[in-house]
Amino acid sequence: MHAMAKKSKKQGGSGDSTIALNKKARHDYFIEERYEAGIALEGWEVKSLREGRVQLKESYVVIKDAEAFLLGAHISPLATASTHIHPNPTRTRKLLMHRRELNKLIGLVERKGFTLVPTAMYWKRGRAKLEIGLAKGKKQHDKRTTEKERDWKRDKQRILKHG
């Protein structure tokens, strides 16, 4: 009985689960390291995230005045959102990180030419978290290599499966 109760709680959104993935990031960048950041959200945004209504595809992270911000992430407001708030689906959202981590990222971005890309959004102990990838851009030929490797892996699985 107890295990079942736990399972249903997870689907309620208070457990740990993925909200959205940014598959494009893995295609366009080499992800060197991953960092976790909290996100400063408005009430309606949290409700939308619980429904999984977020798109990270066009989003990116910028550092301005020693703070990190998520830009271009699209959170669709629910139709039931209150009438007196005017939701802005793509507003700039502040990311919450430890100063030490932020300083490290600032150095890597400014001096080493890394880019910060959102790779995933997920729930952790009832709070929305953003996984940020420390990334280097892929050149066109790198993307082709990645695609070839992926195709070969798929073909290899097929061959092994059917012998």
Protein backbone atom coordinates (compact mmCIF):
# COMPACT_ATOMS: atom_id res chain seq x y z
CA MET A 1 0.00 0.00 0.00
CA HIS A 2 2.72 2.43 0.99
CA ALA A 3 4.68 2.02 -2.26
CA MET A 4 1.61 2.78 -4.32
CA ALA A 5 0.88 5.97 -2.40
CA LYS A 6 4.41 7.10 -3.08
CA LYS A 7 4.04 6.49 -6.82
CA SER A 8 0.90 8.60 -7.20
CA LYS A 9 2.58 11.44 -5.34
CA LYS A 10 5.34 11.51 -7.93
CA GLN A 11 2.88 12.14 -10.74
CA GLY A 12 1.46 15.05 -8.78
CA GLY A 13 4.59 17.01 -9.61
CA SER A 14 6.04 17.30 -6.11
CA GLY A 15 8.56 14.51 -6.62
CA ASP A 16 11.55 14.50 -8.93
CA SER A 17 10.66 14.31 -12.59
CA THR A 18 11.63 15.81 -15.92
CA ILE A 19 9.52 18.72 -17.14
CA ALA A 20 11.24 19.40 -20.47
CA LEU A 21 14.37 18.46 -22.40
CA ASN A 22 16.27 20.52 -24.90
CA LYS A 23 17.32 17.94 -27.49
CA LYS A 24 18.53 20.66 -29.84
CA ALA A 25 21.26 21.57 -27.35
CA ARG A 26 22.80 18.11 -27.60
CA HIS A 27 22.66 18.34 -31.38
CA ASP A 28 24.20 21.81 -31.67
CA TYR A 29 26.76 21.73 -28.85
CA PHE A 30 29.35 19.63 -27.09
CA ILE A 31 28.22 19.66 -23.47
CA GLU A 32 31.32 19.69 -21.26
CA GLU A 33 29.79 20.07 -17.81
CA ARG A 34 26.32 20.39 -16.34
CA TYR A 35 25.15 22.72 -13.60
CA GLU A 36 21.91 23.01 -11.69
CA ALA A 37 20.14 26.31 -11.15
CA GLY A 38 16.93 27.31 -9.46
CA ILE A 39 14.54 29.51 -11.43
CA ALA A 40 12.71 32.54 -10.10
CA LEU A 41 9.15 31.87 -11.28
CA GLU A 42 5.75 33.50 -10.98
CA GLY A 43 2.81 31.52 -9.64
CA TRP A 44 1.14 30.99 -13.02
CA GLU A 45 4.45 29.72 -14.44
CA VAL A 46 4.73 27.03 -11.77
CA LYS A 47 1.20 25.87 -12.58
CA SER A 48 2.04 25.73 -16.29
CA LEU A 49 5.21 23.76 -15.57
CA ARG A 50 3.18 21.22 -13.59
CA GLU A 51 1.22 20.69 -16.82
CA GLY A 52 4.48 20.41 -18.76
CA ARG A 53 3.77 23.51 -20.83
CA VAL A 54 7.32 24.69 -21.43
CA GLN A 55 9.53 24.81 -24.50
CA LEU A 56 13.33 25.11 -24.13
CA LYS A 57 14.24 24.76 -27.80
CA GLU A 58 15.00 28.44 -28.50
CA SER A 59 16.22 29.27 -25.00
CA TYR A 60 19.66 30.31 -23.84
CA VAL A 61 21.39 31.52 -20.70
CA VAL A 62 23.12 34.89 -20.42
CA ILE A 63 25.16 36.36 -17.64
CA LYS A 64 24.60 40.04 -16.96
CA ASP A 65 25.83 42.04 -13.94
CA ALA A 66 27.18 38.84 -12.33
CA GLU A 67 23.71 37.23 -12.47
CA ALA A 68 22.47 34.43 -14.72
CA PHE A 69 19.22 34.71 -16.70
CA LEU A 70 17.18 32.33 -18.81
CA LEU A 71 16.01 33.92 -22.05
CA GLY A 72 13.72 32.62 -24.74
CA ALA A 73 12.16 29.78 -22.74
CA HIS A 74 8.47 29.63 -23.58
CA ILE A 75 6.04 28.81 -20.78
CA SER A 76 2.46 28.69 -22.05
CA PRO A 77 -0.05 30.15 -19.62
CA LEU A 78 -3.00 27.94 -18.72
CA ALA A 79 -6.42 29.10 -19.85
CA THR A 80 -7.45 29.19 -16.19
CA ALA A 81 -4.86 31.84 -15.29
CA SER A 82 -6.33 34.70 -13.29
CA THR A 83 -7.73 37.69 -15.16
CA HIS A 84 -5.69 40.33 -13.32
CA ILE A 85 -2.28 38.96 -14.34
CA HIS A 86 -0.94 39.37 -17.83
CA PRO A 87 1.36 36.41 -18.41
CA ASN A 88 4.43 36.98 -20.57
CA PRO A 89 5.31 33.50 -21.91
CA THR A 90 8.90 34.36 -22.86
CA ARG A 91 9.94 36.79 -20.13
CA THR A 92 13.53 36.82 -18.87
CA ARG A 93 13.75 34.64 -15.77
CA LYS A 94 16.46 34.97 -13.17
CA LEU A 95 18.44 31.85 -12.36
CA LEU A 96 19.41 31.11 -8.79
CA MET A 97 22.92 29.76 -8.34
CA HIS A 98 25.64 29.85 -5.74
CA ARG A 99 27.99 32.83 -6.12
CA ARG A 100 31.01 30.48 -6.37
CA GLU A 101 29.43 28.55 -9.26
CA LEU A 102 28.37 31.75 -10.99
CA ASN A 103 31.88 33.20 -10.77
CA LYS A 104 33.31 30.01 -12.27
CA LEU A 105 30.80 30.12 -15.15
CA ILE A 106 31.45 33.82 -15.77
CA GLY A 107 35.17 33.07 -16.11
CA LEU A 108 34.59 30.15 -18.49
CA VAL A 109 32.17 32.09 -20.67
CA GLU A 110 34.21 35.29 -20.84
CA ARG A 111 37.73 33.86 -21.11
CA LYS A 112 37.35 30.40 -22.62
CA GLY A 113 34.52 31.12 -25.06
CA PHE A 114 32.00 28.66 -23.66
CA THR A 115 28.24 29.07 -24.12
CA LEU A 116 25.58 28.29 -21.53
CA VAL A 117 22.64 26.31 -22.87
CA PRO A 118 19.60 25.01 -20.99
CA THR A 119 19.59 21.24 -21.43
CA ALA A 120 16.68 20.21 -19.18
CA MET A 121 14.10 21.43 -16.71
CA TYR A 122 12.95 19.17 -13.92
CA TRP A 123 11.35 19.02 -10.48
CA LYS A 124 13.60 18.45 -7.49
CA ARG A 125 11.89 18.25 -4.11
CA GLY A 126 8.95 20.25 -5.45
CA ARG A 127 11.08 23.04 -6.93
CA ALA A 128 11.70 23.64 -10.62
CA LYS A 129 15.36 23.34 -11.54
CA LEU A 130 17.17 24.11 -14.76
CA GLU A 131 20.09 22.04 -15.94
CA ILE A 132 22.60 24.26 -17.68
CA GLY A 133 25.17 22.80 -20.02
CA LEU A 134 28.57 24.41 -20.32
CA ALA A 135 28.90 24.07 -24.06
CA LYS A 136 31.10 24.58 -27.07
CA GLY A 137 29.35 25.05 -30.41
CA LYS A 138 29.59 22.25 -32.96
CA LYS A 139 30.68 23.03 -36.47
CA GLN A 140 28.60 21.64 -39.34
CA HIS A 141 30.96 18.68 -39.87
CA ASP A 142 30.74 17.80 -36.15
CA LYS A 143 26.96 17.60 -36.43
CA ARG A 144 27.29 15.25 -39.40
CA THR A 145 29.70 13.04 -37.44
CA THR A 146 27.28 12.91 -34.52
CA GLU A 147 24.44 11.94 -36.86
CA LYS A 148 26.57 9.23 -38.50
CA GLU A 149 27.49 7.79 -35.08
CA ARG A 150 23.84 7.80 -34.04
CA ASP A 151 22.76 6.11 -37.27
CA TRP A 152 25.50 3.49 -36.90
CA LYS A 153 24.46 2.75 -33.30
CA ARG A 154 20.88 2.27 -34.44
CA ASP A 155 21.90 0.03 -37.36
CA LYS A 156 24.22 -1.97 -35.11
CA GLN A 157 21.36 -2.57 -32.64
CA ARG A 158 19.14 -3.67 -35.52
CA ILE A 159 21.79 -6.06 -36.86
CA LEU A 160 22.44 -7.55 -33.42
CA LYS A 161 18.75 -7.90 -32.72
CA HIS A 162 17.86 -9.68 -35.96
CA GLY A 163 21.20 -11.43 -36.43
